[in-house]
Amino acid sequence: MTLHVLPTWRTVPLAKVTFEGLSQWVARLSLGGLGPSGTRQSVFVMSAALDHAVRSGRIRSNPARGLGLPRIRRRDYVFLTHLQLRDLASEAGSWRVFVLLLGYTGLRWGEATALHVCDIDLARRRIDVRRAFSDVGGRVVLGTPKSHLSRTVPIPRFLAREISAAVIGKNADDLVFTMPGGSVLRLSNWRRAVFLPPRARARLSVRFRIHDLRHTAASLMKTARVASGASFGSFGERALPAAQRIGTAAESRAGLAAKGRDLRCHHPRCI
């Protein structure tokens, strides 16, 4: 709202907000480089404010109704194989365990960076996802996961061993992953300094994003599910993008580990 709504509409009286004016505003947002998703979100915020004005009797109708919005182009997702994920993790050096965590558990960036040692039950090979960091106006804020609900995520056996080594010497309330100085990981900095060089060295597609590690986890879990019949509900959302639907189900507290099934990296080092 601060960046895209208020600069244009802060001083405009409600009676002066018109369909034509809103249409021109939407066009300027798109021409200014704001993507379809950001443009649509800005319009939704503006429309919600106008809906409130209608309910409070300040205007008769919402002039944002029927606005033409840019379409969000379907993205072709890039999934990694076990071997590609291992190569990427190896190229990441000291960040190997963090990359494997993202690629095998499907945690979102904010969830993974907000993990505390006490959130991980290595004996049961589970992670309790109860909090997440988000970037609000350039500040990192600790809040709840995207769904505002906690969930339990299984950890593959080989990864539990690596996480166990990574948390040696840490206290229960310590963050598991931080910058060398102890500060919170920032997505843009980590992407530039840590993710992009290993991605190039591992010869992965330039279209592969950090968030695609989450989709990679879904793909690998789906393969394991087909092979073992295990339930698959650790992603905390009803469905992944329709273009590459990964068959999520309702959250299962039983999880993979409790059923004796495990998602393994099939490389000899990990078996």
C-alpha atoms as a PDB file:
ATOM      1  CA  MET A   1       0.000   0.000   0.000  1.00  0.00           C
ATOM      2  CA  THR A   2       2.781   2.423   0.936  1.00  0.00           C
ATOM      3  CA  LEU A   3       4.580   1.960  -2.376  1.00  0.00           C
ATOM      4  CA  HIS A   4       1.790   1.598  -4.918  1.00  0.00           C
ATOM      5  CA  VAL A   5      -1.537   2.785  -3.478  1.00  0.00           C
ATOM      6  CA  LEU A   6      -1.000   5.762  -1.174  1.00  0.00           C
ATOM      7  CA  PRO A   7       1.308   7.796  -3.445  1.00  0.00           C
ATOM      8  CA  THR A   8      -1.514   8.069  -5.991  1.00  0.00           C
ATOM      9  CA  TRP A   9      -4.664   8.034  -3.867  1.00  0.00           C
ATOM     10  CA  ARG A  10      -3.733   9.463  -0.458  1.00  0.00           C
ATOM     11  CA  THR A  11      -5.009  12.989  -1.230  1.00  0.00           C
ATOM     12  CA  VAL A  12      -7.831  12.093  -3.632  1.00  0.00           C
ATOM     13  CA  PRO A  13     -11.358  12.495  -2.173  1.00  0.00           C
ATOM     14  CA  LEU A  14     -13.452   9.334  -2.361  1.00  0.00           C
ATOM     15  CA  ALA A  15     -15.986  11.061  -4.611  1.00  0.00           C
ATOM     16  CA  LYS A  16     -13.198  11.733  -7.124  1.00  0.00           C
ATOM     17  CA  VAL A  17     -12.069   8.095  -7.391  1.00  0.00           C
ATOM     18  CA  THR A  18     -13.453   6.891 -10.732  1.00  0.00           C
ATOM     19  CA  PHE A  19     -13.292   3.783 -12.850  1.00  0.00           C
ATOM     20  CA  GLU A  20     -11.342   5.718 -15.499  1.00  0.00           C
ATOM     21  CA  GLY A  21      -8.847   7.002 -12.956  1.00  0.00           C
ATOM     22  CA  LEU A  22      -8.322   3.545 -11.510  1.00  0.00           C
ATOM     23  CA  SER A  23      -7.835   2.080 -14.988  1.00  0.00           C
ATOM     24  CA  GLN A  24      -5.125   4.642 -15.734  1.00  0.00           C
ATOM     25  CA  TRP A  25      -3.492   3.882 -12.392  1.00  0.00           C
ATOM     26  CA  VAL A  26      -3.407   0.155 -13.172  1.00  0.00           C
ATOM     27  CA  ALA A  27      -1.832   0.896 -16.552  1.00  0.00           C
ATOM     28  CA  ARG A  28       0.845   3.057 -14.909  1.00  0.00           C
ATOM     29  CA  LEU A  29       1.676   0.341 -12.418  1.00  0.00           C
ATOM     30  CA  SER A  30       2.232  -2.157 -15.224  1.00  0.00           C
ATOM     31  CA  LEU A  31       4.220   0.279 -17.359  1.00  0.00           C
ATOM     32  CA  GLY A  32       6.312   1.157 -14.311  1.00  0.00           C
ATOM     33  CA  GLY A  33       7.570  -2.407 -14.069  1.00  0.00           C
ATOM     34  CA  LEU A  34       5.310  -3.832 -11.387  1.00  0.00           C
ATOM     35  CA  GLY A  35       4.510  -7.443 -12.214  1.00  0.00           C
ATOM     36  CA  PRO A  36       1.015  -8.872 -12.692  1.00  0.00           C
ATOM     37  CA  SER A  37       0.897 -10.294  -9.170  1.00  0.00           C
ATOM     38  CA  GLY A  38       1.965  -7.033  -7.531  1.00  0.00           C
ATOM     39  CA  THR A  39      -0.460  -5.028  -9.661  1.00  0.00           C
ATOM     40  CA  ARG A  40      -3.347  -7.320  -8.778  1.00  0.00           C
ATOM     41  CA  GLN A  41      -2.489  -7.172  -5.073  1.00  0.00           C
ATOM     42  CA  SER A  42      -2.404  -3.367  -5.180  1.00  0.00           C
ATOM     43  CA  VAL A  43      -5.822  -3.283  -6.861  1.00  0.00           C
ATOM     44  CA  PHE A  44      -7.241  -5.747  -4.335  1.00  0.00           C
ATOM     45  CA  VAL A  45      -6.073  -3.505  -1.484  1.00  0.00           C
ATOM     46  CA  MET A  46      -7.602  -0.438  -3.113  1.00  0.00           C
ATOM     47  CA  SER A  47     -10.824  -2.294  -3.867  1.00  0.00           C
ATOM     48  CA  ALA A  48     -11.096  -3.508  -0.265  1.00  0.00           C
ATOM     49  CA  ALA A  49     -10.758   0.083   0.963  1.00  0.00           C
ATOM     50  CA  LEU A  50     -13.474   1.199  -1.459  1.00  0.00           C
ATOM     51  CA  ASP A  51     -15.717  -1.678  -0.347  1.00  0.00           C
ATOM     52  CA  HIS A  52     -15.373  -0.422   3.208  1.00  0.00           C
ATOM     53  CA  ALA A  53     -16.329   3.070   2.053  1.00  0.00           C
ATOM     54  CA  VAL A  54     -19.470   1.632   0.433  1.00  0.00           C
ATOM     55  CA  ARG A  55     -20.438  -0.248   3.602  1.00  0.00           C
ATOM     56  CA  SER A  56     -19.933   2.882   5.700  1.00  0.00           C
ATOM     57  CA  GLY A  57     -22.147   4.889   3.341  1.00  0.00           C
ATOM     58  CA  ARG A  58     -19.454   7.270   2.107  1.00  0.00           C
ATOM     59  CA  ILE A  59     -19.864   6.261  -1.564  1.00  0.00           C
ATOM     60  CA  ARG A  60     -22.652   4.456  -3.411  1.00  0.00           C
ATOM     61  CA  SER A  61     -20.652   1.856  -5.289  1.00  0.00           C
ATOM     62  CA  ASN A  62     -17.128   0.548  -5.677  1.00  0.00           C
ATOM     63  CA  PRO A  63     -15.554   2.047  -8.836  1.00  0.00           C
ATOM     64  CA  ALA A  64     -12.890  -0.669  -8.838  1.00  0.00           C
ATOM     65  CA  ARG A  65     -15.443  -3.306  -9.797  1.00  0.00           C
ATOM     66  CA  GLY A  66     -14.799  -4.692 -13.264  1.00  0.00           C
ATOM     67  CA  LEU A  67     -11.278  -3.316 -13.622  1.00  0.00           C
ATOM     68  CA  GLY A  68      -9.188  -5.172 -16.179  1.00  0.00           C
ATOM     69  CA  LEU A  69      -6.285  -6.791 -14.389  1.00  0.00           C
ATOM     70  CA  PRO A  70      -3.096  -8.226 -15.911  1.00  0.00           C
ATOM     71  CA  ARG A  71      -3.008 -11.985 -16.122  1.00  0.00           C
ATOM     72  CA  ILE A  72      -0.476 -13.892 -14.115  1.00  0.00           C
ATOM     73  CA  ARG A  73       1.493 -15.988 -16.521  1.00  0.00           C
ATOM     74  CA  ARG A  74       1.784 -19.631 -15.645  1.00  0.00           C
ATOM     75  CA  ARG A  75       5.333 -20.358 -14.635  1.00  0.00           C
ATOM     76  CA  ASP A  76       7.152 -23.483 -15.743  1.00  0.00           C
ATOM     77  CA  TYR A  77       8.552 -24.891 -12.524  1.00  0.00           C
ATOM     78  CA  VAL A  78      11.983 -26.472 -12.384  1.00  0.00           C
ATOM     79  CA  PHE A  79      12.346 -29.605 -10.270  1.00  0.00           C
ATOM     80  CA  LEU A  80      15.658 -31.167  -9.275  1.00  0.00           C
ATOM     81  CA  THR A  81      16.494 -34.838  -9.094  1.00  0.00           C
ATOM     82  CA  HIS A  82      18.223 -36.320  -6.043  1.00  0.00           C
ATOM     83  CA  LEU A  83      21.549 -36.057  -7.866  1.00  0.00           C
ATOM     84  CA  GLN A  84      21.028 -32.424  -8.916  1.00  0.00           C
ATOM     85  CA  LEU A  85      19.969 -31.446  -5.412  1.00  0.00           C
ATOM     86  CA  ARG A  86      23.047 -33.140  -3.946  1.00  0.00           C
ATOM     87  CA  ASP A  87      25.282 -31.342  -6.437  1.00  0.00           C
ATOM     88  CA  LEU A  88      23.728 -27.975  -5.602  1.00  0.00           C
ATOM     89  CA  ALA A  89      24.138 -28.616  -1.877  1.00  0.00           C
ATOM     90  CA  SER A  90      27.763 -29.672  -2.325  1.00  0.00           C
ATOM     91  CA  GLU A  91      28.532 -26.516  -4.292  1.00  0.00           C
ATOM     92  CA  ALA A  92      26.962 -24.445  -1.494  1.00  0.00           C
ATOM     93  CA  GLY A  93      29.803 -25.397   0.847  1.00  0.00           C
ATOM     94  CA  SER A  94      29.012 -24.526   4.465  1.00  0.00           C
ATOM     95  CA  TRP A  95      25.371 -23.995   3.495  1.00  0.00           C
ATOM     96  CA  ARG A  96      24.999 -27.607   2.363  1.00  0.00           C
ATOM     97  CA  VAL A  97      22.656 -28.628   5.192  1.00  0.00           C
ATOM     98  CA  PHE A  98      20.441 -25.568   4.685  1.00  0.00           C
ATOM     99  CA  VAL A  99      20.049 -26.325   0.976  1.00  0.00           C
ATOM    100  CA  LEU A 100      19.242 -29.968   1.721  1.00  0.00           C
ATOM    101  CA  LEU A 101      16.700 -28.883   4.332  1.00  0.00           C
ATOM    102  CA  LEU A 102      14.890 -26.693   1.805  1.00  0.00           C
ATOM    103  CA  GLY A 103      15.075 -29.357  -0.895  1.00  0.00           C
ATOM    104  CA  TYR A 104      13.928 -32.324   1.184  1.00  0.00           C
ATOM    105  CA  THR A 105      11.405 -30.837   3.640  1.00  0.00           C
ATOM    106  CA  GLY A 106       9.732 -28.193   1.478  1.00  0.00           C
ATOM    107  CA  LEU A 107       9.959 -25.506   4.160  1.00  0.00           C
ATOM    108  CA  ARG A 108       9.417 -21.977   2.932  1.00  0.00           C
ATOM    109  CA  TRP A 109      12.320 -19.549   3.213  1.00  0.00           C
ATOM    110  CA  GLY A 110      10.790 -17.697   6.167  1.00  0.00           C
ATOM    111  CA  GLU A 111      10.026 -20.952   7.978  1.00  0.00           C
ATOM    112  CA  ALA A 112      13.506 -22.397   7.501  1.00  0.00           C
ATOM    113  CA  THR A 113      15.294 -19.223   8.598  1.00  0.00           C
ATOM    114  CA  ALA A 114      13.087 -18.973  11.708  1.00  0.00           C
ATOM    115  CA  LEU A 115      13.805 -22.523  12.854  1.00  0.00           C
ATOM    116  CA  HIS A 116      14.994 -22.774  16.433  1.00  0.00           C
ATOM    117  CA  VAL A 117      16.847 -25.772  17.778  1.00  0.00           C
ATOM    118  CA  CYS A 118      13.862 -26.596  19.995  1.00  0.00           C
ATOM    119  CA  ASP A 119      11.662 -26.915  16.893  1.00  0.00           C
ATOM    120  CA  ILE A 120      13.556 -29.998  15.725  1.00  0.00           C
ATOM    121  CA  ASP A 121      12.931 -33.424  17.242  1.00  0.00           C
ATOM    122  CA  LEU A 122      15.837 -35.486  15.932  1.00  0.00           C
ATOM    123  CA  ALA A 123      14.783 -38.636  17.794  1.00  0.00           C
ATOM    124  CA  ARG A 124      11.435 -38.692  15.967  1.00  0.00           C
ATOM    125  CA  ARG A 125      12.888 -37.032  12.844  1.00  0.00           C
ATOM    126  CA  ARG A 126      10.359 -34.211  12.813  1.00  0.00           C
ATOM    127  CA  ILE A 127      10.284 -30.435  12.542  1.00  0.00           C
ATOM    128  CA  ASP A 128       7.541 -28.426  14.207  1.00  0.00           C
ATOM    129  CA  VAL A 129       6.888 -25.413  11.967  1.00  0.00           C
ATOM    130  CA  ARG A 130       5.491 -22.810  14.337  1.00  0.00           C
ATOM    131  CA  ARG A 131       6.964 -19.481  13.214  1.00  0.00           C
ATOM    132  CA  ALA A 132       8.312 -17.728  10.172  1.00  0.00           C
ATOM    133  CA  PHE A 133      10.224 -14.590   9.308  1.00  0.00           C
ATOM    134  CA  SER A 134       8.820 -12.137   6.784  1.00  0.00           C
ATOM    135  CA  ASP A 135      10.160  -8.933   5.273  1.00  0.00           C
ATOM    136  CA  VAL A 136       7.932  -5.975   6.139  1.00  0.00           C
ATOM    137  CA  GLY A 137       9.109  -2.665   4.761  1.00  0.00           C
ATOM    138  CA  GLY A 138      12.724  -3.772   4.780  1.00  0.00           C
ATOM    139  CA  ARG A 139      12.549  -5.123   8.332  1.00  0.00           C
ATOM    140  CA  VAL A 140      12.600  -8.822   9.226  1.00  0.00           C
ATOM    141  CA  VAL A 141       9.587  -9.587  11.404  1.00  0.00           C
ATOM    142  CA  LEU A 142       8.904 -12.831  13.242  1.00  0.00           C
ATOM    143  CA  GLY A 143       5.364 -14.124  12.836  1.00  0.00           C
ATOM    144  CA  THR A 144       3.371 -17.248  12.067  1.00  0.00           C
ATOM    145  CA  PRO A 145       3.661 -19.504   8.998  1.00  0.00           C
ATOM    146  CA  LYS A 146       1.817 -18.469   5.842  1.00  0.00           C
ATOM    147  CA  SER A 147      -1.280 -20.482   6.739  1.00  0.00           C
ATOM    148  CA  HIS A 148      -1.159 -19.148  10.349  1.00  0.00           C
ATOM    149  CA  LEU A 149      -1.223 -22.783  11.442  1.00  0.00           C
ATOM    150  CA  SER A 150       1.612 -24.863  12.832  1.00  0.00           C
ATOM    151  CA  ARG A 151       2.402 -28.183  11.226  1.00  0.00           C
ATOM    152  CA  THR A 152       4.792 -31.089  11.571  1.00  0.00           C
ATOM    153  CA  VAL A 153       7.220 -31.969   8.795  1.00  0.00           C
ATOM    154  CA  PRO A 154       9.154 -35.266   8.582  1.00  0.00           C
ATOM    155  CA  ILE A 155      12.931 -35.256   8.124  1.00  0.00           C
ATOM    156  CA  PRO A 156      14.686 -37.897   6.014  1.00  0.00           C
ATOM    157  CA  ARG A 157      17.029 -40.060   8.067  1.00  0.00           C
ATOM    158  CA  PHE A 158      20.216 -38.976   6.336  1.00  0.00           C
ATOM    159  CA  LEU A 159      19.287 -35.296   6.743  1.00  0.00           C
ATOM    160  CA  ALA A 160      18.525 -35.751  10.450  1.00  0.00           C
ATOM    161  CA  ARG A 161      22.120 -36.906  10.918  1.00  0.00           C
ATOM    162  CA  GLU A 162      23.456 -33.798   9.187  1.00  0.00           C
ATOM    163  CA  ILE A 163      21.183 -31.460  11.139  1.00  0.00           C
ATOM    164  CA  SER A 164      22.278 -33.136  14.365  1.00  0.00           C
ATOM    165  CA  ALA A 165      25.883 -32.220  13.593  1.00  0.00           C
ATOM    166  CA  ALA A 166      24.898 -28.668  12.615  1.00  0.00           C
ATOM    167  CA  VAL A 167      23.229 -27.874  15.964  1.00  0.00           C
ATOM    168  CA  ILE A 168      26.062 -29.105  18.185  1.00  0.00           C
ATOM    169  CA  GLY A 169      26.911 -26.385  20.678  1.00  0.00           C
ATOM    170  CA  LYS A 170      23.674 -24.452  20.136  1.00  0.00           C
ATOM    171  CA  ASN A 171      21.094 -23.755  22.828  1.00  0.00           C
ATOM    172  CA  ALA A 172      17.449 -24.749  22.491  1.00  0.00           C
ATOM    173  CA  ASP A 173      16.340 -21.170  21.780  1.00  0.00           C
ATOM    174  CA  ASP A 174      19.072 -20.479  19.206  1.00  0.00           C
ATOM    175  CA  LEU A 175      18.288 -20.118  15.518  1.00  0.00           C
ATOM    176  CA  VAL A 176      19.561 -23.118  13.578  1.00  0.00           C
ATOM    177  CA  PHE A 177      20.693 -21.103  10.549  1.00  0.00           C
ATOM    178  CA  THR A 178      22.128 -17.591  10.730  1.00  0.00           C
ATOM    179  CA  MET A 179      24.759 -15.470   9.071  1.00  0.00           C
ATOM    180  CA  PRO A 180      28.300 -15.972  10.437  1.00  0.00           C
ATOM    181  CA  GLY A 181      27.816 -13.037  12.804  1.00  0.00           C
ATOM    182  CA  GLY A 182      24.566 -14.464  14.148  1.00  0.00           C
ATOM    183  CA  SER A 183      22.178 -12.164  12.280  1.00  0.00           C
ATOM    184  CA  VAL A 184      19.003 -13.367  10.558  1.00  0.00           C
ATOM    185  CA  LEU A 185      19.352 -14.584   6.967  1.00  0.00           C
ATOM    186  CA  ARG A 186      18.072 -12.102   4.376  1.00  0.00           C
ATOM    187  CA  LEU A 187      16.718 -13.626   1.177  1.00  0.00           C
ATOM    188  CA  SER A 188      18.156 -11.122  -1.292  1.00  0.00           C
ATOM    189  CA  ASN A 189      21.649 -11.190   0.222  1.00  0.00           C
ATOM    190  CA  TRP A 190      21.715 -14.970   0.539  1.00  0.00           C
ATOM    191  CA  ARG A 191      20.463 -15.438  -3.002  1.00  0.00           C
ATOM    192  CA  ARG A 192      23.143 -13.197  -4.441  1.00  0.00           C
ATOM    193  CA  ALA A 193      26.089 -14.352  -2.328  1.00  0.00           C
ATOM    194  CA  VAL A 194      25.288 -18.013  -1.678  1.00  0.00           C
ATOM    195  CA  PHE A 195      22.654 -19.360  -4.059  1.00  0.00           C
ATOM    196  CA  LEU A 196      23.504 -17.996  -7.499  1.00  0.00           C
ATOM    197  CA  PRO A 197      27.207 -19.041  -7.664  1.00  0.00           C
ATOM    198  CA  PRO A 198      26.497 -22.693  -6.644  1.00  0.00           C
ATOM    199  CA  ARG A 199      23.567 -22.817  -9.053  1.00  0.00           C
ATOM    200  CA  ALA A 200      25.926 -21.848 -11.887  1.00  0.00           C
ATOM    201  CA  ARG A 201      28.634 -24.292 -10.799  1.00  0.00           C
ATOM    202  CA  ALA A 202      26.068 -27.099 -10.563  1.00  0.00           C
ATOM    203  CA  ARG A 203      24.978 -26.196 -14.124  1.00  0.00           C
ATOM    204  CA  LEU A 204      21.344 -25.796 -13.203  1.00  0.00           C
ATOM    205  CA  SER A 205      18.836 -23.793 -15.187  1.00  0.00           C
ATOM    206  CA  VAL A 206      18.913 -20.039 -14.619  1.00  0.00           C
ATOM    207  CA  ARG A 207      15.152 -20.344 -14.110  1.00  0.00           C
ATOM    208  CA  PHE A 208      15.679 -22.354 -10.936  1.00  0.00           C
ATOM    209  CA  ARG A 209      14.790 -20.204  -7.914  1.00  0.00           C
ATOM    210  CA  ILE A 210      15.244 -20.726  -4.191  1.00  0.00           C
ATOM    211  CA  HIS A 211      11.486 -21.310  -3.859  1.00  0.00           C
ATOM    212  CA  ASP A 212      11.786 -24.109  -6.427  1.00  0.00           C
ATOM    213  CA  LEU A 213      13.535 -26.126  -3.728  1.00  0.00           C
ATOM    214  CA  ARG A 214      10.104 -26.332  -2.126  1.00  0.00           C
ATOM    215  CA  HIS A 215       8.633 -27.655  -5.354  1.00  0.00           C
ATOM    216  CA  THR A 216      11.569 -30.047  -5.631  1.00  0.00           C
ATOM    217  CA  ALA A 217      10.718 -31.438  -2.197  1.00  0.00           C
ATOM    218  CA  ALA A 218       7.116 -31.921  -3.308  1.00  0.00           C
ATOM    219  CA  SER A 219       8.244 -33.741  -6.416  1.00  0.00           C
ATOM    220  CA  LEU A 220      10.624 -36.032  -4.525  1.00  0.00           C
ATOM    221  CA  MET A 221       8.014 -36.710  -1.855  1.00  0.00           C
ATOM    222  CA  LYS A 222       5.457 -37.534  -4.516  1.00  0.00           C
ATOM    223  CA  THR A 223       7.858 -40.066  -5.978  1.00  0.00           C
ATOM    224  CA  ALA A 224       8.397 -41.590  -2.534  1.00  0.00           C
ATOM    225  CA  ARG A 225       4.666 -41.586  -1.941  1.00  0.00           C
ATOM    226  CA  VAL A 226       3.968 -43.469  -5.148  1.00  0.00           C
ATOM    227  CA  ALA A 227       6.671 -45.998  -4.294  1.00  0.00           C
ATOM    228  CA  SER A 228       5.582 -46.576  -0.683  1.00  0.00           C
ATOM    229  CA  GLY A 229       1.979 -45.441  -0.415  1.00  0.00           C
ATOM    230  CA  ALA A 230       2.907 -42.924   2.290  1.00  0.00           C
ATOM    231  CA  SER A 231       0.614 -40.029   3.070  1.00  0.00           C
ATOM    232  CA  PHE A 232       1.751 -36.612   1.922  1.00  0.00           C
ATOM    233  CA  GLY A 233       0.523 -33.641   3.895  1.00  0.00           C
ATOM    234  CA  SER A 234       3.528 -31.750   5.235  1.00  0.00           C
ATOM    235  CA  PHE A 235       3.287 -28.732   2.972  1.00  0.00           C
ATOM    236  CA  GLY A 236       0.600 -26.900   4.863  1.00  0.00           C
ATOM    237  CA  GLU A 237      -1.430 -25.757   1.860  1.00  0.00           C
ATOM    238  CA  ARG A 238      -4.297 -27.313  -0.051  1.00  0.00           C
ATOM    239  CA  ALA A 239      -2.623 -27.481  -3.411  1.00  0.00           C
ATOM    240  CA  LEU A 240       0.494 -26.563  -5.302  1.00  0.00           C
ATOM    241  CA  PRO A 241       0.239 -24.699  -8.633  1.00  0.00           C
ATOM    242  CA  ALA A 242      -2.255 -26.322 -10.959  1.00  0.00           C
ATOM    243  CA  ALA A 243       0.347 -26.558 -13.715  1.00  0.00           C
ATOM    244  CA  GLN A 244       2.391 -28.980 -11.664  1.00  0.00           C
ATOM    245  CA  ARG A 245      -0.051 -30.304  -9.074  1.00  0.00           C
ATOM    246  CA  ILE A 246       1.685 -32.519  -6.543  1.00  0.00           C
ATOM    247  CA  GLY A 247      -1.297 -34.200  -4.928  1.00  0.00           C
ATOM    248  CA  THR A 248      -1.198 -32.683  -1.429  1.00  0.00           C
ATOM    249  CA  ALA A 249      -3.647 -33.970   1.157  1.00  0.00           C
ATOM    250  CA  ALA A 250      -4.859 -32.809   4.540  1.00  0.00           C
ATOM    251  CA  GLU A 251      -2.160 -32.523   7.191  1.00  0.00           C
ATOM    252  CA  SER A 252      -1.340 -35.931   8.630  1.00  0.00           C
ATOM    253  CA  ARG A 253       0.067 -35.961  12.122  1.00  0.00           C
ATOM    254  CA  ALA A 254       1.161 -39.532  11.578  1.00  0.00           C
ATOM    255  CA  GLY A 255       3.701 -38.346   8.992  1.00  0.00           C
ATOM    256  CA  LEU A 256       6.152 -40.414   7.024  1.00  0.00           C
ATOM    257  CA  ALA A 257       8.544 -41.203   9.853  1.00  0.00           C
ATOM    258  CA  ALA A 258       5.892 -42.659  12.153  1.00  0.00           C
ATOM    259  CA  LYS A 259       4.871 -45.088   9.443  1.00  0.00           C
ATOM    260  CA  GLY A 260       8.392 -46.368   9.076  1.00  0.00           C
ATOM    261  CA  ARG A 261       8.768 -44.875   5.628  1.00  0.00           C
ATOM    262  CA  ASP A 262      11.597 -42.570   4.681  1.00  0.00           C
ATOM    263  CA  LEU A 263      12.491 -40.216   1.867  1.00  0.00           C
ATOM    264  CA  ARG A 264      16.037 -41.130   0.988  1.00  0.00           C
ATOM    265  CA  CYS A 265      18.675 -39.588  -1.146  1.00  0.00           C
ATOM    266  CA  HIS A 266      19.779 -42.518  -3.267  1.00  0.00           C
ATOM    267  CA  HIS A 267      23.336 -41.357  -3.697  1.00  0.00           C
ATOM    268  CA  PRO A 268      25.777 -43.851  -2.064  1.00  0.00           C
ATOM    269  CA  ARG A 269      27.069 -41.211   0.379  1.00  0.00           C
ATOM    270  CA  CYS A 270      23.610 -40.693   1.811  1.00  0.00           C
ATOM    271  CA  ILE A 271      22.461 -44.282   2.181  1.00  0.00           C
END
